[in-house]
PDB file of N, CA and C in Angstrom:
ATOM      1  N   UNK A   1     -57.041 -31.676  -7.572  1.00  0.00           N
ATOM      2  CA  UNK A   1     -56.671 -32.345  -8.651  1.00  0.00           C
ATOM      3  C   UNK A   1     -55.377 -32.464  -9.105  1.00  0.00           C
ATOM      4  N   UNK A   2     -54.778 -32.291 -10.249  1.00  0.00           N
ATOM      5  CA  UNK A   2     -53.208 -32.731 -10.534  1.00  0.00           C
ATOM      6  C   UNK A   2     -52.237 -31.590 -10.638  1.00  0.00           C
ATOM      7  N   UNK A   3     -52.708 -30.602 -10.211  1.00  0.00           N
ATOM      8  CA  UNK A   3     -52.362 -29.447  -9.900  1.00  0.00           C
ATOM      9  C   UNK A   3     -51.986 -29.309  -8.198  1.00  0.00           C
ATOM     10  N   UNK A   4     -51.930 -30.499  -7.406  1.00  0.00           N
ATOM     11  CA  UNK A   4     -52.077 -30.223  -5.873  1.00  0.00           C
ATOM     12  C   UNK A   4     -50.512 -30.720  -6.051  1.00  0.00           C
ATOM     13  N   UNK A   5     -49.627 -29.857  -4.915  1.00  0.00           N
ATOM     14  CA  UNK A   5     -48.090 -29.445  -4.847  1.00  0.00           C
ATOM     15  C   UNK A   5     -47.820 -30.423  -3.384  1.00  0.00           C
ATOM     16  N   UNK A   6     -48.846 -30.054  -2.397  1.00  0.00           N
ATOM     17  CA  UNK A   6     -48.827 -29.708  -0.751  1.00  0.00           C
ATOM     18  C   UNK A   6     -49.958 -30.646  -0.504  1.00  0.00           C
ATOM     19  N   UNK A   7     -49.996 -31.418   0.532  1.00  0.00           N
ATOM     20  CA  UNK A   7     -51.210 -31.373   1.580  1.00  0.00           C
ATOM     21  C   UNK A   7     -50.857 -31.661   2.305  1.00  0.00           C
ATOM     22  N   UNK A   8     -51.397 -30.769   3.472  1.00  0.00           N
ATOM     23  CA  UNK A   8     -51.130 -30.921   5.089  1.00  0.00           C
ATOM     24  C   UNK A   8     -52.127 -31.546   5.672  1.00  0.00           C
ATOM     25  N   UNK A   9     -52.592 -32.392   6.661  1.00  0.00           N
ATOM     26  CA  UNK A   9     -53.672 -33.158   6.851  1.00  0.00           C
ATOM     27  C   UNK A   9     -53.399 -32.974   8.764  1.00  0.00           C
ATOM     28  N   UNK A  10     -51.852 -32.925   9.301  1.00  0.00           N
ATOM     29  CA  UNK A  10     -51.416 -33.149  10.062  1.00  0.00           C
ATOM     30  C   UNK A  10     -52.307 -33.072  11.376  1.00  0.00           C
ATOM     31  N   UNK A  11     -52.811 -33.723  11.930  1.00  0.00           N
ATOM     32  CA  UNK A  11     -53.424 -33.591  13.399  1.00  0.00           C
ATOM     33  C   UNK A  11     -55.154 -33.864  12.985  1.00  0.00           C
ATOM     34  N   UNK A  12     -55.871 -34.247  11.897  1.00  0.00           N
ATOM     35  CA  UNK A  12     -56.787 -34.456  11.228  1.00  0.00           C
ATOM     36  C   UNK A  12     -57.055 -35.771  11.626  1.00  0.00           C
ATOM     37  N   UNK A  13     -57.422 -36.408  12.738  1.00  0.00           N
ATOM     38  CA  UNK A  13     -57.434 -37.428  12.758  1.00  0.00           C
ATOM     39  C   UNK A  13     -59.224 -37.866  13.317  1.00  0.00           C
ATOM     40  N   UNK A  14     -60.322 -37.218  12.960  1.00  0.00           N
ATOM     41  CA  UNK A  14     -61.836 -37.630  12.700  1.00  0.00           C
ATOM     42  C   UNK A  14     -62.450 -37.057  11.930  1.00  0.00           C
ATOM     43  N   UNK A  15     -61.258 -37.075  10.690  1.00  0.00           N
ATOM     44  CA  UNK A  15     -61.433 -37.510   9.134  1.00  0.00           C
ATOM     45  C   UNK A  15     -62.124 -38.969   8.949  1.00  0.00           C
ATOM     46  N   UNK A  16     -63.450 -39.058   8.790  1.00  0.00           N
ATOM     47  CA  UNK A  16     -64.081 -40.277   8.865  1.00  0.00           C
ATOM     48  C   UNK A  16     -63.801 -41.250   7.368  1.00  0.00           C
ATOM     49  N   UNK A  17     -63.915 -42.535   7.398  1.00  0.00           N
ATOM     50  CA  UNK A  17     -63.376 -43.712   6.684  1.00  0.00           C
ATOM     51  C   UNK A  17     -64.174 -42.483   5.388  1.00  0.00           C
ATOM     52  N   UNK A  18     -65.302 -43.186   5.068  1.00  0.00           N
ATOM     53  CA  UNK A  18     -66.524 -42.195   4.071  1.00  0.00           C
ATOM     54  C   UNK A  18     -65.280 -41.717   3.522  1.00  0.00           C
ATOM     55  N   UNK A  19     -64.956 -40.043   3.827  1.00  0.00           N
ATOM     56  CA  UNK A  19     -64.455 -39.433   3.214  1.00  0.00           C
ATOM     57  C   UNK A  19     -63.312 -39.719   2.691  1.00  0.00           C
ATOM     58  N   UNK A  20     -62.367 -40.598   3.598  1.00  0.00           N
ATOM     59  CA  UNK A  20     -60.954 -41.048   3.370  1.00  0.00           C
ATOM     60  C   UNK A  20     -61.182 -41.912   1.548  1.00  0.00           C
ATOM     61  N   UNK A  21     -62.624 -42.747   1.595  1.00  0.00           N
ATOM     62  CA  UNK A  21     -62.714 -43.987   0.808  1.00  0.00           C
ATOM     63  C   UNK A  21     -62.297 -42.620  -0.227  1.00  0.00           C
ATOM     64  N   UNK A  22     -62.905 -42.002  -0.448  1.00  0.00           N
ATOM     65  CA  UNK A  22     -63.569 -40.961  -2.045  1.00  0.00           C
ATOM     66  C   UNK A  22     -62.235 -40.502  -2.800  1.00  0.00           C
ATOM     67  N   UNK A  23     -60.813 -40.842  -1.804  1.00  0.00           N
ATOM     68  CA  UNK A  23     -59.558 -40.177  -2.161  1.00  0.00           C
ATOM     69  C   UNK A  23     -59.243 -41.474  -3.241  1.00  0.00           C
ATOM     70  N   UNK A  24     -59.696 -42.691  -3.188  1.00  0.00           N
ATOM     71  CA  UNK A  24     -59.283 -44.009  -3.989  1.00  0.00           C
ATOM     72  C   UNK A  24     -58.295 -43.912  -5.570  1.00  0.00           C
ATOM     73  N   UNK A  25     -59.611 -42.971  -6.096  1.00  0.00           N
ATOM     74  CA  UNK A  25     -59.113 -42.806  -7.614  1.00  0.00           C
ATOM     75  C   UNK A  25     -58.641 -41.619  -7.446  1.00  0.00           C
ATOM     76  N   UNK A  26     -58.095 -40.903  -6.796  1.00  0.00           N
ATOM     77  CA  UNK A  26     -57.749 -39.264  -6.506  1.00  0.00           C
ATOM     78  C   UNK A  26     -56.202 -39.682  -7.545  1.00  0.00           C
ATOM     79  N   UNK A  27     -55.595 -38.586  -8.449  1.00  0.00           N
ATOM     80  CA  UNK A  27     -54.343 -38.869  -8.705  1.00  0.00           C
ATOM     81  C   UNK A  27     -53.891 -37.629  -9.047  1.00  0.00           C
ATOM     82  N   UNK A  28     -52.664 -37.743  -8.111  1.00  0.00           N
ATOM     83  CA  UNK A  28     -51.610 -36.274  -7.809  1.00  0.00           C
ATOM     84  C   UNK A  28     -50.245 -36.235  -8.485  1.00  0.00           C
ATOM     85  N   UNK A  29     -50.156 -36.118  -9.821  1.00  0.00           N
ATOM     86  CA  UNK A  29     -48.874 -36.542 -10.126  1.00  0.00           C
ATOM     87  C   UNK A  29     -48.161 -35.446 -10.093  1.00  0.00           C
ATOM     88  N   UNK A  30     -48.051 -34.050 -10.039  1.00  0.00           N
ATOM     89  CA  UNK A  30     -47.640 -33.405  -9.024  1.00  0.00           C
ATOM     90  C   UNK A  30     -46.701 -33.259  -7.790  1.00  0.00           C
ATOM     91  N   UNK A  31     -47.887 -34.002  -6.867  1.00  0.00           N
ATOM     92  CA  UNK A  31     -47.670 -33.952  -5.403  1.00  0.00           C
ATOM     93  C   UNK A  31     -46.369 -34.325  -4.622  1.00  0.00           C
ATOM     94  N   UNK A  32     -45.748 -32.929  -3.858  1.00  0.00           N
ATOM     95  CA  UNK A  32     -44.718 -33.182  -3.494  1.00  0.00           C
ATOM     96  C   UNK A  32     -44.541 -33.372  -1.971  1.00  0.00           C
ATOM     97  N   UNK A  33     -45.170 -33.385  -1.746  1.00  0.00           N
ATOM     98  CA  UNK A  33     -45.261 -33.183   0.430  1.00  0.00           C
ATOM     99  C   UNK A  33     -46.583 -33.643   0.619  1.00  0.00           C
ATOM    100  N   UNK A  34     -46.713 -34.123   1.589  1.00  0.00           N
ATOM    101  CA  UNK A  34     -47.535 -35.176   2.180  1.00  0.00           C
ATOM    102  C   UNK A  34     -47.316 -35.046   3.787  1.00  0.00           C
ATOM    103  N   UNK A  35     -48.527 -34.255   4.580  1.00  0.00           N
ATOM    104  CA  UNK A  35     -48.650 -34.211   5.806  1.00  0.00           C
ATOM    105  C   UNK A  35     -49.630 -35.242   6.274  1.00  0.00           C
ATOM    106  N   UNK A  36     -49.861 -36.537   6.969  1.00  0.00           N
ATOM    107  CA  UNK A  36     -50.793 -37.247   7.691  1.00  0.00           C
ATOM    108  C   UNK A  36     -50.493 -37.321   9.334  1.00  0.00           C
ATOM    109  N   UNK A  37     -49.383 -36.550   9.636  1.00  0.00           N
ATOM    110  CA  UNK A  37     -49.448 -37.020  11.219  1.00  0.00           C
ATOM    111  C   UNK A  37     -50.817 -36.775  11.997  1.00  0.00           C
ATOM    112  N   UNK A  38     -50.817 -37.879  12.356  1.00  0.00           N
ATOM    113  CA  UNK A  38     -51.835 -38.116  13.231  1.00  0.00           C
ATOM    114  C   UNK A  38     -53.180 -38.496  12.778  1.00  0.00           C
ATOM    115  N   UNK A  39     -52.964 -38.498  11.549  1.00  0.00           N
ATOM    116  CA  UNK A  39     -54.383 -38.771  11.011  1.00  0.00           C
ATOM    117  C   UNK A  39     -54.833 -40.261  11.246  1.00  0.00           C
ATOM    118  N   UNK A  40     -53.711 -41.208  11.565  1.00  0.00           N
ATOM    119  CA  UNK A  40     -54.017 -42.338  11.421  1.00  0.00           C
ATOM    120  C   UNK A  40     -53.833 -42.869  12.996  1.00  0.00           C
ATOM    121  N   UNK A  41     -54.337 -42.376  13.804  1.00  0.00           N
ATOM    122  CA  UNK A  41     -53.160 -42.633  15.066  1.00  0.00           C
ATOM    123  C   UNK A  41     -54.440 -43.477  15.355  1.00  0.00           C
ATOM    124  N   UNK A  42     -56.011 -43.031  15.936  1.00  0.00           N
ATOM    125  CA  UNK A  42     -56.586 -43.721  16.391  1.00  0.00           C
ATOM    126  C   UNK A  42     -57.399 -44.609  15.440  1.00  0.00           C
ATOM    127  N   UNK A  43     -57.313 -44.531  14.485  1.00  0.00           N
ATOM    128  CA  UNK A  43     -58.101 -45.499  13.314  1.00  0.00           C
ATOM    129  C   UNK A  43     -57.530 -45.487  12.264  1.00  0.00           C
ATOM    130  N   UNK A  44     -56.962 -47.295  11.577  1.00  0.00           N
ATOM    131  CA  UNK A  44     -56.286 -47.124   9.913  1.00  0.00           C
ATOM    132  C   UNK A  44     -57.845 -47.242   9.038  1.00  0.00           C
ATOM    133  N   UNK A  45     -58.905 -46.875   9.282  1.00  0.00           N
ATOM    134  CA  UNK A  45     -60.216 -46.774   8.604  1.00  0.00           C
ATOM    135  C   UNK A  45     -59.583 -45.978   6.646  1.00  0.00           C
ATOM    136  N   UNK A  46     -59.755 -46.538   6.361  1.00  0.00           N
ATOM    137  CA  UNK A  46     -59.044 -44.856   4.965  1.00  0.00           C
ATOM    138  C   UNK A  46     -57.952 -44.833   4.800  1.00  0.00           C
ATOM    139  N   UNK A  47     -57.369 -45.257   5.370  1.00  0.00           N
ATOM    140  CA  UNK A  47     -55.860 -45.335   5.560  1.00  0.00           C
ATOM    141  C   UNK A  47     -55.505 -45.849   3.900  1.00  0.00           C
ATOM    142  N   UNK A  48     -55.998 -47.553   3.516  1.00  0.00           N
ATOM    143  CA  UNK A  48     -55.640 -47.626   1.949  1.00  0.00           C
ATOM    144  C   UNK A  48     -56.214 -46.766   0.857  1.00  0.00           C
ATOM    145  N   UNK A  49     -57.008 -46.226   1.420  1.00  0.00           N
ATOM    146  CA  UNK A  49     -57.470 -45.406   0.046  1.00  0.00           C
ATOM    147  C   UNK A  49     -56.539 -43.905   0.066  1.00  0.00           C
ATOM    148  N   UNK A  50     -56.327 -43.431   1.168  1.00  0.00           N
ATOM    149  CA  UNK A  50     -55.424 -41.833   1.508  1.00  0.00           C
ATOM    150  C   UNK A  50     -53.886 -42.369   0.333  1.00  0.00           C
ATOM    151  N   UNK A  51     -53.005 -43.939   0.816  1.00  0.00           N
ATOM    152  CA  UNK A  51     -52.041 -43.882   0.676  1.00  0.00           C
ATOM    153  C   UNK A  51     -52.028 -44.349  -1.070  1.00  0.00           C
ATOM    154  N   UNK A  52     -53.106 -45.268  -1.654  1.00  0.00           N
ATOM    155  CA  UNK A  52     -53.166 -45.073  -2.588  1.00  0.00           C
ATOM    156  C   UNK A  52     -53.159 -43.747  -3.241  1.00  0.00           C
ATOM    157  N   UNK A  53     -53.889 -42.449  -2.946  1.00  0.00           N
ATOM    158  CA  UNK A  53     -53.637 -41.683  -3.848  1.00  0.00           C
ATOM    159  C   UNK A  53     -52.374 -41.031  -3.790  1.00  0.00           C
ATOM    160  N   UNK A  54     -51.807 -41.392  -2.249  1.00  0.00           N
ATOM    161  CA  UNK A  54     -50.439 -40.637  -1.960  1.00  0.00           C
ATOM    162  C   UNK A  54     -49.521 -41.502  -3.152  1.00  0.00           C
ATOM    163  N   UNK A  55     -49.687 -42.698  -3.601  1.00  0.00           N
ATOM    164  CA  UNK A  55     -48.727 -43.380  -4.128  1.00  0.00           C
ATOM    165  C   UNK A  55     -48.908 -42.850  -5.414  1.00  0.00           C
ATOM    166  N   UNK A  56     -50.324 -41.699  -5.972  1.00  0.00           N
ATOM    167  CA  UNK A  56     -49.876 -41.727  -7.916  1.00  0.00           C
ATOM    168  C   UNK A  56     -49.063 -40.863  -7.751  1.00  0.00           C
ATOM    169  N   UNK A  57     -48.772 -40.013  -6.901  1.00  0.00           N
ATOM    170  CA  UNK A  57     -47.560 -39.334  -6.932  1.00  0.00           C
ATOM    171  C   UNK A  57     -46.242 -39.946  -7.865  1.00  0.00           C
ATOM    172  N   UNK A  58     -46.297 -40.826  -7.170  1.00  0.00           N
ATOM    173  CA  UNK A  58     -44.610 -41.745  -7.634  1.00  0.00           C
ATOM    174  C   UNK A  58     -43.934 -41.164  -7.290  1.00  0.00           C
ATOM    175  N   UNK A  59     -42.725 -40.517  -8.270  1.00  0.00           N
ATOM    176  CA  UNK A  59     -41.244 -39.911  -8.108  1.00  0.00           C
ATOM    177  C   UNK A  59     -41.444 -38.615  -7.931  1.00  0.00           C
ATOM    178  N   UNK A  60     -42.503 -37.936  -7.861  1.00  0.00           N
ATOM    179  CA  UNK A  60     -42.753 -36.175  -7.674  1.00  0.00           C
ATOM    180  C   UNK A  60     -42.901 -36.104  -6.162  1.00  0.00           C
ATOM    181  N   UNK A  61     -43.064 -37.318  -5.373  1.00  0.00           N
ATOM    182  CA  UNK A  61     -42.754 -37.487  -3.884  1.00  0.00           C
ATOM    183  C   UNK A  61     -41.957 -37.313  -3.112  1.00  0.00           C
ATOM    184  N   UNK A  62     -41.549 -35.959  -2.514  1.00  0.00           N
ATOM    185  CA  UNK A  62     -40.161 -35.615  -1.790  1.00  0.00           C
ATOM    186  C   UNK A  62     -40.370 -35.737  -0.155  1.00  0.00           C
ATOM    187  N   UNK A  63     -41.271 -35.946  -0.110  1.00  0.00           N
ATOM    188  CA  UNK A  63     -41.443 -35.735   1.640  1.00  0.00           C
ATOM    189  C   UNK A  63     -42.739 -36.164   2.209  1.00  0.00           C
ATOM    190  N   UNK A  64     -43.021 -37.517   2.846  1.00  0.00           N
ATOM    191  CA  UNK A  64     -44.086 -38.491   3.705  1.00  0.00           C
ATOM    192  C   UNK A  64     -44.054 -38.309   5.185  1.00  0.00           C
ATOM    193  N   UNK A  65     -44.798 -37.869   5.615  1.00  0.00           N
ATOM    194  CA  UNK A  65     -44.785 -37.705   6.991  1.00  0.00           C
ATOM    195  C   UNK A  65     -46.332 -38.594   7.569  1.00  0.00           C
ATOM    196  N   UNK A  66     -45.298 -39.947   8.144  1.00  0.00           N
ATOM    197  CA  UNK A  66     -46.858 -40.593   8.722  1.00  0.00           C
ATOM    198  C   UNK A  66     -46.624 -41.083  10.494  1.00  0.00           C
ATOM    199  N   UNK A  67     -45.848 -39.639  10.907  1.00  0.00           N
ATOM    200  CA  UNK A  67     -45.392 -39.486  12.244  1.00  0.00           C
ATOM    201  C   UNK A  67     -46.781 -40.303  12.975  1.00  0.00           C
ATOM    202  N   UNK A  68     -46.732 -41.163  13.946  1.00  0.00           N
ATOM    203  CA  UNK A  68     -48.087 -41.460  14.769  1.00  0.00           C
ATOM    204  C   UNK A  68     -49.096 -42.017  14.024  1.00  0.00           C
ATOM    205  N   UNK A  69     -49.166 -42.887  12.877  1.00  0.00           N
ATOM    206  CA  UNK A  69     -49.840 -43.310  12.121  1.00  0.00           C
ATOM    207  C   UNK A  69     -49.536 -44.934  12.068  1.00  0.00           C
ATOM    208  N   UNK A  70     -49.738 -45.284  13.654  1.00  0.00           N
ATOM    209  CA  UNK A  70     -49.897 -46.589  14.407  1.00  0.00           C
ATOM    210  C   UNK A  70     -50.848 -47.573  13.691  1.00  0.00           C
ATOM    211  N   UNK A  71     -52.476 -47.057  13.586  1.00  0.00           N
ATOM    212  CA  UNK A  71     -53.035 -47.913  12.641  1.00  0.00           C
ATOM    213  C   UNK A  71     -52.940 -48.051  11.298  1.00  0.00           C
ATOM    214  N   UNK A  72     -52.457 -48.241  10.693  1.00  0.00           N
ATOM    215  CA  UNK A  72     -52.330 -48.432   9.294  1.00  0.00           C
ATOM    216  C   UNK A  72     -51.299 -49.592   8.945  1.00  0.00           C
ATOM    217  N   UNK A  73     -52.537 -50.227   8.896  1.00  0.00           N
ATOM    218  CA  UNK A  73     -52.620 -51.928   8.504  1.00  0.00           C
ATOM    219  C   UNK A  73     -51.223 -52.328   7.095  1.00  0.00           C
ATOM    220  N   UNK A  74     -50.371 -53.767   7.995  1.00  0.00           N
ATOM    221  CA  UNK A  74     -49.018 -53.409   6.784  1.00  0.00           C
ATOM    222  C   UNK A  74     -49.250 -53.414   5.572  1.00  0.00           C
ATOM    223  N   UNK A  75     -50.818 -54.420   5.636  1.00  0.00           N
ATOM    224  CA  UNK A  75     -51.794 -54.874   3.594  1.00  0.00           C
ATOM    225  C   UNK A  75     -51.764 -52.941   3.296  1.00  0.00           C
ATOM    226  N   UNK A  76     -51.800 -52.345   3.995  1.00  0.00           N
ATOM    227  CA  UNK A  76     -52.089 -50.680   2.755  1.00  0.00           C
ATOM    228  C   UNK A  76     -50.653 -50.765   2.215  1.00  0.00           C
ATOM    229  N   UNK A  77     -49.299 -50.884   3.101  1.00  0.00           N
ATOM    230  CA  UNK A  77     -48.102 -50.701   2.617  1.00  0.00           C
ATOM    231  C   UNK A  77     -47.660 -52.308   1.453  1.00  0.00           C
ATOM    232  N   UNK A  78     -48.262 -53.193   1.696  1.00  0.00           N
ATOM    233  CA  UNK A  78     -47.719 -54.104   0.646  1.00  0.00           C
ATOM    234  C   UNK A  78     -48.577 -53.780  -0.824  1.00  0.00           C
ATOM    235  N   UNK A  79     -50.005 -53.197  -0.819  1.00  0.00           N
ATOM    236  CA  UNK A  79     -50.405 -52.959  -2.135  1.00  0.00           C
ATOM    237  C   UNK A  79     -49.628 -52.065  -2.927  1.00  0.00           C
ATOM    238  N   UNK A  80     -48.972 -51.376  -1.942  1.00  0.00           N
ATOM    239  CA  UNK A  80     -48.026 -50.687  -2.837  1.00  0.00           C
ATOM    240  C   UNK A  80     -47.104 -51.098  -3.756  1.00  0.00           C
ATOM    241  N   UNK A  81     -46.774 -50.464  -4.956  1.00  0.00           N
ATOM    242  CA  UNK A  81     -45.991 -51.272  -6.017  1.00  0.00           C
ATOM    243  C   UNK A  81     -44.416 -50.885  -5.164  1.00  0.00           C
ATOM    244  N   UNK A  82     -43.200 -51.794  -5.497  1.00  0.00           N
ATOM    245  CA  UNK A  82     -42.413 -51.470  -5.467  1.00  0.00           C
ATOM    246  C   UNK A  82     -41.545 -50.098  -6.218  1.00  0.00           C
ATOM    247  N   UNK A  83     -40.450 -49.409  -5.329  1.00  0.00           N
ATOM    248  CA  UNK A  83     -40.206 -48.430  -6.412  1.00  0.00           C
ATOM    249  C   UNK A  83     -40.941 -47.189  -6.514  1.00  0.00           C
ATOM    250  N   UNK A  84     -42.085 -47.264  -5.582  1.00  0.00           N
ATOM    251  CA  UNK A  84     -43.290 -46.095  -5.736  1.00  0.00           C
ATOM    252  C   UNK A  84     -42.995 -44.806  -5.631  1.00  0.00           C
ATOM    253  N   UNK A  85     -41.567 -44.826  -4.761  1.00  0.00           N
ATOM    254  CA  UNK A  85     -41.312 -43.515  -3.937  1.00  0.00           C
ATOM    255  C   UNK A  85     -39.630 -42.924  -3.797  1.00  0.00           C
ATOM    256  N   UNK A  86     -38.917 -43.355  -4.912  1.00  0.00           N
ATOM    257  CA  UNK A  86     -37.395 -43.230  -5.248  1.00  0.00           C
ATOM    258  C   UNK A  86     -36.800 -42.048  -5.180  1.00  0.00           C
ATOM    259  N   UNK A  87     -37.697 -41.151  -4.709  1.00  0.00           N
ATOM    260  CA  UNK A  87     -37.112 -39.707  -4.600  1.00  0.00           C
ATOM    261  C   UNK A  87     -37.491 -38.949  -2.950  1.00  0.00           C
ATOM    262  N   UNK A  88     -38.426 -40.013  -2.180  1.00  0.00           N
ATOM    263  CA  UNK A  88     -38.083 -39.411  -0.816  1.00  0.00           C
ATOM    264  C   UNK A  88     -37.431 -39.298   0.199  1.00  0.00           C
ATOM    265  N   UNK A  89     -36.680 -37.789   0.297  1.00  0.00           N
ATOM    266  CA  UNK A  89     -35.973 -37.551   1.267  1.00  0.00           C
ATOM    267  C   UNK A  89     -36.118 -37.331   2.616  1.00  0.00           C
ATOM    268  N   UNK A  90     -37.645 -37.109   2.946  1.00  0.00           N
ATOM    269  CA  UNK A  90     -38.118 -37.418   4.617  1.00  0.00           C
ATOM    270  C   UNK A  90     -39.441 -38.303   4.501  1.00  0.00           C
ATOM    271  N   UNK A  91     -39.549 -39.835   5.058  1.00  0.00           N
ATOM    272  CA  UNK A  91     -40.065 -40.344   5.596  1.00  0.00           C
ATOM    273  C   UNK A  91     -40.269 -40.961   6.460  1.00  0.00           C
ATOM    274  N   UNK A  92     -41.454 -40.270   7.238  1.00  0.00           N
ATOM    275  CA  UNK A  92     -41.455 -39.889   8.866  1.00  0.00           C
ATOM    276  C   UNK A  92     -42.766 -41.184   9.456  1.00  0.00           C
ATOM    277  N   UNK A  93     -41.616 -42.379  10.145  1.00  0.00           N
ATOM    278  CA  UNK A  93     -42.446 -43.090  10.716  1.00  0.00           C
ATOM    279  C   UNK A  93     -42.698 -43.805  11.542  1.00  0.00           C
ATOM    280  N   UNK A  94     -42.726 -42.857  12.501  1.00  0.00           N
ATOM    281  CA  UNK A  94     -42.257 -42.946  14.359  1.00  0.00           C
ATOM    282  C   UNK A  94     -44.031 -43.405  14.220  1.00  0.00           C
ATOM    283  N   UNK A  95     -43.988 -44.990  15.180  1.00  0.00           N
ATOM    284  CA  UNK A  95     -44.896 -45.062  15.926  1.00  0.00           C
ATOM    285  C   UNK A  95     -45.274 -46.033  14.461  1.00  0.00           C
ATOM    286  N   UNK A  96     -44.940 -46.696  13.227  1.00  0.00           N
ATOM    287  CA  UNK A  96     -46.086 -46.942  12.423  1.00  0.00           C
ATOM    288  C   UNK A  96     -45.133 -47.772  12.584  1.00  0.00           C
ATOM    289  N   UNK A  97     -45.765 -48.847  13.546  1.00  0.00           N
ATOM    290  CA  UNK A  97     -44.792 -50.571  13.289  1.00  0.00           C
ATOM    291  C   UNK A  97     -45.153 -51.476  12.543  1.00  0.00           C
ATOM    292  N   UNK A  98     -46.446 -51.508  11.724  1.00  0.00           N
ATOM    293  CA  UNK A  98     -46.518 -52.212  11.028  1.00  0.00           C
ATOM    294  C   UNK A  98     -45.802 -52.141   9.407  1.00  0.00           C
ATOM    295  N   UNK A  99     -44.612 -51.157   9.445  1.00  0.00           N
ATOM    296  CA  UNK A  99     -44.596 -50.996   8.640  1.00  0.00           C
ATOM    297  C   UNK A  99     -42.580 -50.694   9.281  1.00  0.00           C
ATOM    298  N   UNK A 100     -42.411 -52.177   8.504  1.00  0.00           N
ATOM    299  CA  UNK A 100     -40.809 -52.443   8.229  1.00  0.00           C
ATOM    300  C   UNK A 100     -40.078 -51.522   7.393  1.00  0.00           C
ATOM    301  N   UNK A 101     -38.548 -52.003   8.621  1.00  0.00           N
ATOM    302  CA  UNK A 101     -37.440 -51.128   7.441  1.00  0.00           C
ATOM    303  C   UNK A 101     -37.484 -52.098   5.779  1.00  0.00           C
ATOM    304  N   UNK A 102     -37.118 -53.022   6.041  1.00  0.00           N
ATOM    305  CA  UNK A 102     -37.401 -54.000   4.674  1.00  0.00           C
ATOM    306  C   UNK A 102     -38.559 -53.471   3.696  1.00  0.00           C
ATOM    307  N   UNK A 103     -39.869 -53.053   3.984  1.00  0.00           N
ATOM    308  CA  UNK A 103     -40.664 -52.912   3.239  1.00  0.00           C
ATOM    309  C   UNK A 103     -40.716 -51.360   3.101  1.00  0.00           C
ATOM    310  N   UNK A 104     -40.066 -50.289   4.018  1.00  0.00           N
ATOM    311  CA  UNK A 104     -39.744 -48.926   3.548  1.00  0.00           C
ATOM    312  C   UNK A 104     -38.944 -48.897   2.387  1.00  0.00           C
ATOM    313  N   UNK A 105     -37.962 -50.155   2.320  1.00  0.00           N
ATOM    314  CA  UNK A 105     -36.936 -49.753   1.566  1.00  0.00           C
ATOM    315  C   UNK A 105     -37.698 -50.427   0.319  1.00  0.00           C
ATOM    316  N   UNK A 106     -38.297 -51.489  -0.038  1.00  0.00           N
ATOM    317  CA  UNK A 106     -39.054 -52.052  -1.104  1.00  0.00           C
ATOM    318  C   UNK A 106     -39.836 -50.368  -1.936  1.00  0.00           C
ATOM    319  N   UNK A 107     -40.349 -49.675  -1.240  1.00  0.00           N
ATOM    320  CA  UNK A 107     -41.575 -48.702  -1.395  1.00  0.00           C
ATOM    321  C   UNK A 107     -40.535 -47.488  -1.889  1.00  0.00           C
ATOM    322  N   UNK A 108     -39.366 -47.252  -1.596  1.00  0.00           N
ATOM    323  CA  UNK A 108     -38.417 -46.173  -1.834  1.00  0.00           C
ATOM    324  C   UNK A 108     -37.454 -46.990  -3.013  1.00  0.00           C
ATOM    325  N   UNK A 109     -37.070 -47.984  -3.377  1.00  0.00           N
ATOM    326  CA  UNK A 109     -36.448 -48.212  -4.206  1.00  0.00           C
ATOM    327  C   UNK A 109     -34.996 -48.729  -3.941  1.00  0.00           C
ATOM    328  N   UNK A 110     -35.016 -48.822  -2.424  1.00  0.00           N
ATOM    329  CA  UNK A 110     -33.913 -49.655  -1.979  1.00  0.00           C
ATOM    330  C   UNK A 110     -33.521 -48.875  -1.034  1.00  0.00           C
ATOM    331  N   UNK A 111     -33.653 -47.339  -0.724  1.00  0.00           N
ATOM    332  CA  UNK A 111     -33.353 -46.598   0.201  1.00  0.00           C
ATOM    333  C   UNK A 111     -33.395 -47.109   1.609  1.00  0.00           C
ATOM    334  N   UNK A 112     -32.663 -46.769   2.603  1.00  0.00           N
ATOM    335  CA  UNK A 112     -32.991 -46.957   4.047  1.00  0.00           C
ATOM    336  C   UNK A 112     -32.176 -45.886   4.960  1.00  0.00           C
ATOM    337  N   UNK A 113     -31.792 -44.653   4.134  1.00  0.00           N
ATOM    338  CA  UNK A 113     -31.917 -43.196   4.864  1.00  0.00           C
ATOM    339  C   UNK A 113     -32.370 -42.289   4.511  1.00  0.00           C
ATOM    340  N   UNK A 114     -33.240 -41.692   5.790  1.00  0.00           N
ATOM    341  CA  UNK A 114     -34.254 -40.601   5.765  1.00  0.00           C
ATOM    342  C   UNK A 114     -33.631 -39.320   6.188  1.00  0.00           C
TER     343      UNK A 114
END
């Protein structure tokens, strides 16, 4: 709920798309850290809903780990408004080839270093 500050689902790559889709309307305005490492390594189904929920954190989010989430489609990132995460200190996107440096900068309000 609204009081969630940290979400760590590292290595949870077997979460079915139906479960991720239930997050579509989630609102986490106090969320500060998210670790989805490996969650979307094998399949990108549900990534749109997961990242939509993470986007609800807006400027509260300081750490986002998408390490080895290579199946997240580019359209998922494109659907997130520009400048959604201006306070990210850590934005790990190793092997997320669908996310360009330009798109990363757009999501963070122009930041390029993490």
